[in-house]
Amino acid sequence: MRIYTVHLPPSGEPGEAELVKEGFCWPALILGPIWAAWHGLWLPGLALLALTVLLSLIGQVWPGVEAVTSILGFAVAVLFGGEANDLRRRRLARAGWRHAGVVGGRGIDTAHRRFVDLSALGTS
């Protein structure tokens, strides 16, 4: 079972809730800047892209440091994967979305359905 935080838009409609998975984000690790752009995280995505390009350039300019820049690049990607979902939560909060709780499910669809059902019952 996966755990998600539930964020409601300013309108407060449970059907429009956005769910953000708790924990590590594998797509953010692998796709980095593309994942960030997809989720509207423009500044972190550009910063990640710039850092990746900078590490690549350093590796090409200074012979013998390719291994170090590769390890640093991987470390940055892992760090971004670990923080990606928290960055999404902060973006939603800045946009006026409110944290409405936590819900679990086998996937995002079942968790969303569970949240809507609980909202209809008045228990969330």
N, C-alpha and C. Protein backbone atom coordinates (compact mmCIF):
# COMPACT_ATOMS: atom_id res chain seq x y z
N MET A 1 0.84 -1.17 0.00
CA MET A 1 0.00 0.00 0.00
C MET A 1 0.89 1.25 0.00
N ARG A 2 0.50 2.22 -0.79
CA ARG A 2 1.22 3.48 -0.86
C ARG A 2 0.45 4.54 -0.07
N ILE A 3 1.20 5.48 0.46
CA ILE A 3 0.62 6.56 1.25
C ILE A 3 0.77 7.86 0.47
N TYR A 4 -0.29 8.65 0.46
CA TYR A 4 -0.31 9.92 -0.27
C TYR A 4 -0.79 11.04 0.65
N THR A 5 -0.26 12.23 0.47
CA THR A 5 -0.84 13.40 1.11
C THR A 5 -1.86 13.99 0.14
N VAL A 6 -2.94 14.48 0.69
CA VAL A 6 -4.04 15.00 -0.11
C VAL A 6 -4.03 16.52 -0.01
N HIS A 7 -4.12 17.18 -1.15
CA HIS A 7 -4.11 18.65 -1.21
C HIS A 7 -5.34 19.10 -1.98
N LEU A 8 -6.11 19.99 -1.35
CA LEU A 8 -7.33 20.50 -1.98
C LEU A 8 -7.08 21.87 -2.58
N PRO A 9 -7.66 22.12 -3.75
CA PRO A 9 -7.50 23.44 -4.38
C PRO A 9 -8.26 24.49 -3.57
N PRO A 10 -8.04 25.76 -3.87
CA PRO A 10 -8.76 26.82 -3.14
C PRO A 10 -10.28 26.65 -3.19
N SER A 11 -10.80 26.02 -4.26
CA SER A 11 -12.25 25.80 -4.34
C SER A 11 -12.72 24.78 -3.33
N GLY A 12 -11.83 23.90 -2.86
CA GLY A 12 -12.16 22.91 -1.83
C GLY A 12 -12.88 21.68 -2.32
N GLU A 13 -12.98 21.48 -3.62
CA GLU A 13 -13.68 20.32 -4.17
C GLU A 13 -12.86 19.04 -3.97
N PRO A 14 -13.40 18.03 -3.26
CA PRO A 14 -12.66 16.78 -3.05
C PRO A 14 -12.33 16.05 -4.35
N GLY A 15 -13.17 16.19 -5.37
CA GLY A 15 -12.92 15.53 -6.64
C GLY A 15 -11.74 16.11 -7.39
N GLU A 16 -11.34 17.34 -7.05
CA GLU A 16 -10.21 17.99 -7.70
C GLU A 16 -8.92 17.88 -6.88
N ALA A 17 -8.96 17.07 -5.85
CA ALA A 17 -7.79 16.93 -4.97
C ALA A 17 -6.59 16.41 -5.74
N GLU A 18 -5.43 16.87 -5.32
CA GLU A 18 -4.18 16.37 -5.90
C GLU A 18 -3.49 15.54 -4.82
N LEU A 19 -3.10 14.33 -5.19
CA LEU A 19 -2.42 13.44 -4.26
C LEU A 19 -0.94 13.40 -4.60
N VAL A 20 -0.11 13.46 -3.57
CA VAL A 20 1.34 13.42 -3.73
C VAL A 20 1.86 12.26 -2.90
N LYS A 21 2.57 11.35 -3.55
CA LYS A 21 3.08 10.16 -2.89
C LYS A 21 4.13 10.51 -1.85
N GLU A 22 4.07 9.81 -0.73
CA GLU A 22 5.11 9.94 0.29
C GLU A 22 6.31 9.12 -0.14
N GLY A 23 7.49 9.61 0.18
CA GLY A 23 8.69 8.83 -0.08
C GLY A 23 9.45 9.24 -1.33
N PHE A 24 10.36 8.36 -1.71
CA PHE A 24 11.27 8.60 -2.83
C PHE A 24 10.53 8.62 -4.15
N CYS A 25 10.95 9.49 -5.06
CA CYS A 25 10.32 9.61 -6.38
C CYS A 25 11.29 9.12 -7.45
N TRP A 26 11.07 7.89 -7.91
CA TRP A 26 11.95 7.29 -8.92
C TRP A 26 11.92 8.03 -10.25
N PRO A 27 10.76 8.47 -10.73
CA PRO A 27 10.77 9.23 -11.99
C PRO A 27 11.61 10.51 -11.90
N ALA A 28 11.61 11.15 -10.72
CA ALA A 28 12.41 12.36 -10.56
C ALA A 28 13.90 12.03 -10.57
N LEU A 29 14.27 10.87 -10.06
CA LEU A 29 15.67 10.45 -10.10
C LEU A 29 16.11 10.24 -11.54
N ILE A 30 15.29 9.56 -12.32
CA ILE A 30 15.67 9.17 -13.68
C ILE A 30 15.51 10.32 -14.67
N LEU A 31 14.42 11.07 -14.57
CA LEU A 31 14.11 12.10 -15.57
C LEU A 31 14.40 13.52 -15.11
N GLY A 32 14.69 13.72 -13.84
CA GLY A 32 15.09 14.99 -13.26
C GLY A 32 14.39 16.23 -13.79
N PRO A 33 15.06 17.00 -14.65
CA PRO A 33 14.48 18.27 -15.13
C PRO A 33 13.16 18.09 -15.89
N ILE A 34 13.01 17.00 -16.61
CA ILE A 34 11.75 16.76 -17.33
C ILE A 34 10.62 16.55 -16.34
N TRP A 35 10.86 15.74 -15.30
CA TRP A 35 9.87 15.51 -14.26
C TRP A 35 9.51 16.84 -13.58
N ALA A 36 10.51 17.65 -13.28
CA ALA A 36 10.27 18.93 -12.61
C ALA A 36 9.41 19.85 -13.48
N ALA A 37 9.71 19.92 -14.76
CA ALA A 37 8.91 20.76 -15.66
C ALA A 37 7.48 20.25 -15.76
N TRP A 38 7.30 18.96 -15.81
CA TRP A 38 5.97 18.34 -15.90
C TRP A 38 5.11 18.75 -14.71
N HIS A 39 5.73 18.90 -13.54
CA HIS A 39 5.00 19.23 -12.32
C HIS A 39 5.05 20.72 -11.98
N GLY A 40 5.53 21.54 -12.91
CA GLY A 40 5.53 22.97 -12.71
C GLY A 40 6.61 23.47 -11.77
N LEU A 41 7.63 22.67 -11.55
CA LEU A 41 8.73 23.06 -10.68
C LEU A 41 9.86 23.62 -11.55
N TRP A 42 9.62 24.79 -12.11
CA TRP A 42 10.53 25.35 -13.10
C TRP A 42 11.89 25.71 -12.51
N LEU A 43 11.91 26.38 -11.40
CA LEU A 43 13.18 26.80 -10.82
C LEU A 43 14.04 25.61 -10.37
N PRO A 44 13.48 24.65 -9.62
CA PRO A 44 14.30 23.48 -9.28
C PRO A 44 14.75 22.69 -10.51
N GLY A 45 13.89 22.61 -11.52
CA GLY A 45 14.26 21.89 -12.74
C GLY A 45 15.40 22.57 -13.49
N LEU A 46 15.32 23.90 -13.58
CA LEU A 46 16.41 24.64 -14.24
C LEU A 46 17.70 24.55 -13.43
N ALA A 47 17.59 24.61 -12.11
CA ALA A 47 18.78 24.50 -11.26
C ALA A 47 19.42 23.12 -11.41
N LEU A 48 18.60 22.09 -11.47
CA LEU A 48 19.12 20.73 -11.65
C LEU A 48 19.78 20.58 -13.02
N LEU A 49 19.15 21.12 -14.04
CA LEU A 49 19.73 21.08 -15.38
C LEU A 49 21.06 21.84 -15.43
N ALA A 50 21.10 23.03 -14.84
CA ALA A 50 22.33 23.83 -14.84
C ALA A 50 23.44 23.11 -14.09
N LEU A 51 23.12 22.49 -12.97
CA LEU A 51 24.13 21.77 -12.20
C LEU A 51 24.64 20.55 -12.97
N THR A 52 23.75 19.87 -13.66
CA THR A 52 24.16 18.72 -14.47
C THR A 52 25.09 19.15 -15.60
N VAL A 53 24.74 20.23 -16.28
CA VAL A 53 25.58 20.74 -17.37
C VAL A 53 26.92 21.20 -16.82
N LEU A 54 26.91 21.89 -15.68
CA LEU A 54 28.15 22.35 -15.07
C LEU A 54 29.07 21.18 -14.71
N LEU A 55 28.52 20.14 -14.11
CA LEU A 55 29.34 18.97 -13.77
C LEU A 55 29.89 18.30 -15.03
N SER A 56 29.09 18.26 -16.07
CA SER A 56 29.55 17.68 -17.33
C SER A 56 30.70 18.49 -17.92
N LEU A 57 30.55 19.81 -17.91
CA LEU A 57 31.61 20.68 -18.44
C LEU A 57 32.90 20.56 -17.62
N ILE A 58 32.76 20.49 -16.31
CA ILE A 58 33.94 20.33 -15.45
C ILE A 58 34.65 19.02 -15.78
N GLY A 59 33.87 17.97 -16.00
CA GLY A 59 34.45 16.68 -16.35
C GLY A 59 35.17 16.69 -17.68
N GLN A 60 34.72 17.53 -18.62
CA GLN A 60 35.38 17.60 -19.92
C GLN A 60 36.60 18.51 -19.90
N VAL A 61 36.56 19.57 -19.09
CA VAL A 61 37.65 20.54 -19.06
C VAL A 61 38.85 20.02 -18.28
N TRP A 62 38.60 19.40 -17.14
CA TRP A 62 39.69 18.91 -16.30
C TRP A 62 39.82 17.41 -16.43
N PRO A 63 40.84 16.94 -17.11
CA PRO A 63 41.02 15.50 -17.27
C PRO A 63 41.26 14.84 -15.90
N GLY A 64 40.72 13.67 -15.75
CA GLY A 64 40.95 12.90 -14.54
C GLY A 64 39.89 13.09 -13.47
N VAL A 65 38.96 14.03 -13.65
CA VAL A 65 37.92 14.22 -12.63
C VAL A 65 36.55 13.71 -13.09
N GLU A 66 36.54 12.97 -14.19
CA GLU A 66 35.27 12.47 -14.71
C GLU A 66 34.56 11.58 -13.69
N ALA A 67 35.33 10.76 -12.99
CA ALA A 67 34.73 9.86 -11.99
C ALA A 67 34.10 10.67 -10.86
N VAL A 68 34.79 11.70 -10.43
CA VAL A 68 34.28 12.53 -9.34
C VAL A 68 33.01 13.26 -9.77
N THR A 69 33.01 13.83 -10.97
CA THR A 69 31.82 14.55 -11.44
C THR A 69 30.66 13.59 -11.68
N SER A 70 30.95 12.37 -12.10
CA SER A 70 29.88 11.37 -12.28
C SER A 70 29.25 11.02 -10.93
N ILE A 71 30.08 10.82 -9.93
CA ILE A 71 29.57 10.50 -8.59
C ILE A 71 28.76 11.67 -8.04
N LEU A 72 29.27 12.89 -8.22
CA LEU A 72 28.53 14.07 -7.77
C LEU A 72 27.19 14.21 -8.51
N GLY A 73 27.20 13.95 -9.81
CA GLY A 73 25.96 14.02 -10.59
C GLY A 73 24.95 13.00 -10.11
N PHE A 74 25.41 11.79 -9.81
CA PHE A 74 24.51 10.76 -9.30
C PHE A 74 23.98 11.16 -7.92
N ALA A 75 24.84 11.71 -7.08
CA ALA A 75 24.41 12.15 -5.74
C ALA A 75 23.35 13.24 -5.83
N VAL A 76 23.53 14.17 -6.75
CA VAL A 76 22.54 15.24 -6.94
C VAL A 76 21.21 14.65 -7.41
N ALA A 77 21.26 13.68 -8.32
CA ALA A 77 20.03 13.04 -8.81
C ALA A 77 19.31 12.30 -7.68
N VAL A 78 20.06 11.60 -6.84
CA VAL A 78 19.46 10.87 -5.71
C VAL A 78 18.84 11.87 -4.72
N LEU A 79 19.55 12.95 -4.46
CA LEU A 79 19.02 13.97 -3.56
C LEU A 79 17.74 14.57 -4.12
N PHE A 80 17.71 14.85 -5.41
CA PHE A 80 16.50 15.39 -6.03
C PHE A 80 15.36 14.39 -5.96
N GLY A 81 15.64 13.11 -6.20
CA GLY A 81 14.60 12.09 -6.09
C GLY A 81 14.02 12.00 -4.69
N GLY A 82 14.86 12.23 -3.69
CA GLY A 82 14.39 12.18 -2.32
C GLY A 82 13.57 13.39 -1.91
N GLU A 83 13.82 14.52 -2.53
CA GLU A 83 13.14 15.77 -2.17
C GLU A 83 12.03 16.16 -3.13
N ALA A 84 11.90 15.47 -4.24
CA ALA A 84 10.99 15.89 -5.31
C ALA A 84 9.54 16.03 -4.85
N ASN A 85 9.02 15.04 -4.15
CA ASN A 85 7.62 15.11 -3.72
C ASN A 85 7.40 16.22 -2.70
N ASP A 86 8.40 16.49 -1.86
CA ASP A 86 8.28 17.60 -0.92
C ASP A 86 8.26 18.94 -1.67
N LEU A 87 9.03 19.04 -2.75
CA LEU A 87 8.99 20.24 -3.58
C LEU A 87 7.60 20.44 -4.18
N ARG A 88 6.97 19.35 -4.59
CA ARG A 88 5.60 19.45 -5.11
C ARG A 88 4.64 19.95 -4.05
N ARG A 89 4.77 19.44 -2.83
CA ARG A 89 3.89 19.87 -1.75
C ARG A 89 4.06 21.37 -1.47
N ARG A 90 5.30 21.84 -1.47
CA ARG A 90 5.54 23.27 -1.24
C ARG A 90 4.96 24.13 -2.35
N ARG A 91 5.07 23.65 -3.60
CA ARG A 91 4.49 24.41 -4.72
C ARG A 91 2.97 24.51 -4.57
N LEU A 92 2.34 23.42 -4.18
CA LEU A 92 0.89 23.44 -3.98
C LEU A 92 0.50 24.40 -2.86
N ALA A 93 1.24 24.38 -1.77
CA ALA A 93 0.93 25.27 -0.64
C ALA A 93 1.08 26.73 -1.05
N ARG A 94 2.13 27.05 -1.82
CA ARG A 94 2.31 28.43 -2.28
C ARG A 94 1.19 28.87 -3.22
N ALA A 95 0.61 27.91 -3.94
CA ALA A 95 -0.47 28.23 -4.87
C ALA A 95 -1.84 28.30 -4.19
N GLY A 96 -1.86 28.13 -2.86
CA GLY A 96 -3.12 28.25 -2.13
C GLY A 96 -3.84 26.95 -1.86
N TRP A 97 -3.26 25.83 -2.24
CA TRP A 97 -3.87 24.54 -1.96
C TRP A 97 -3.65 24.23 -0.49
N ARG A 98 -4.63 23.60 0.14
CA ARG A 98 -4.48 23.26 1.56
C ARG A 98 -4.32 21.76 1.74
N HIS A 99 -3.53 21.42 2.74
CA HIS A 99 -3.31 20.01 3.07
C HIS A 99 -4.57 19.49 3.73
N ALA A 100 -5.15 18.42 3.17
CA ALA A 100 -6.42 17.91 3.67
C ALA A 100 -6.28 16.58 4.38
N GLY A 101 -5.10 16.01 4.41
CA GLY A 101 -4.94 14.75 5.13
C GLY A 101 -4.04 13.79 4.39
N VAL A 102 -4.11 12.56 4.86
CA VAL A 102 -3.29 11.48 4.32
C VAL A 102 -4.23 10.33 4.00
N VAL A 103 -3.96 9.66 2.88
CA VAL A 103 -4.78 8.52 2.48
C VAL A 103 -3.88 7.45 1.88
N GLY A 104 -4.30 6.22 1.98
CA GLY A 104 -3.52 5.12 1.43
C GLY A 104 -4.31 4.36 0.37
N GLY A 105 -3.58 3.65 -0.47
CA GLY A 105 -4.21 2.84 -1.50
C GLY A 105 -3.17 2.07 -2.28
N ARG A 106 -3.64 1.13 -3.09
CA ARG A 106 -2.71 0.34 -3.91
C ARG A 106 -2.03 1.20 -4.96
N GLY A 107 -2.70 2.25 -5.37
CA GLY A 107 -2.17 3.18 -6.36
C GLY A 107 -2.86 4.52 -6.17
N ILE A 108 -2.50 5.47 -7.00
CA ILE A 108 -3.05 6.82 -6.83
C ILE A 108 -4.55 6.85 -7.11
N ASP A 109 -5.02 6.03 -8.06
CA ASP A 109 -6.44 6.03 -8.39
C ASP A 109 -7.29 5.52 -7.23
N THR A 110 -6.86 4.41 -6.62
CA THR A 110 -7.64 3.86 -5.49
C THR A 110 -7.55 4.78 -4.28
N ALA A 111 -6.42 5.42 -4.07
CA ALA A 111 -6.28 6.35 -2.94
C ALA A 111 -7.18 7.57 -3.16
N HIS A 112 -7.23 8.08 -4.40
CA HIS A 112 -8.09 9.22 -4.70
C HIS A 112 -9.56 8.86 -4.49
N ARG A 113 -9.93 7.68 -4.98
CA ARG A 113 -11.32 7.23 -4.80
C ARG A 113 -11.67 7.09 -3.32
N ARG A 114 -10.73 6.56 -2.55
CA ARG A 114 -10.96 6.41 -1.11
C ARG A 114 -11.14 7.78 -0.45
N PHE A 115 -10.34 8.74 -0.84
CA PHE A 115 -10.47 10.08 -0.27
C PHE A 115 -11.83 10.70 -0.62
N VAL A 116 -12.23 10.58 -1.88
CA VAL A 116 -13.53 11.14 -2.30
C VAL A 116 -14.66 10.46 -1.54
N ASP A 117 -14.59 9.13 -1.39
CA ASP A 117 -15.63 8.40 -0.66
C ASP A 117 -15.68 8.84 0.81
N LEU A 118 -14.50 8.98 1.44
CA LEU A 118 -14.47 9.42 2.84
C LEU A 118 -14.97 10.85 2.99
N SER A 119 -14.68 11.69 1.99
CA SER A 119 -15.17 13.06 2.03
C SER A 119 -16.68 13.10 1.93
N ALA A 120 -17.25 12.23 1.11
CA ALA A 120 -18.69 12.17 0.95
C ALA A 120 -19.37 11.72 2.26
N LEU A 121 -18.67 10.87 3.00
CA LEU A 121 -19.20 10.41 4.29
C LEU A 121 -18.98 11.43 5.40
N GLY A 122 -18.13 12.43 5.13
CA GLY A 122 -17.86 13.45 6.12
C GLY A 122 -16.84 13.02 7.17
N THR A 123 -16.01 12.02 6.83
CA THR A 123 -15.04 11.52 7.82
C THR A 123 -13.65 12.04 7.58
N SER A 124 -13.43 12.83 6.55
CA SER A 124 -12.07 13.34 6.36
C SER A 124 -12.04 14.83 6.45
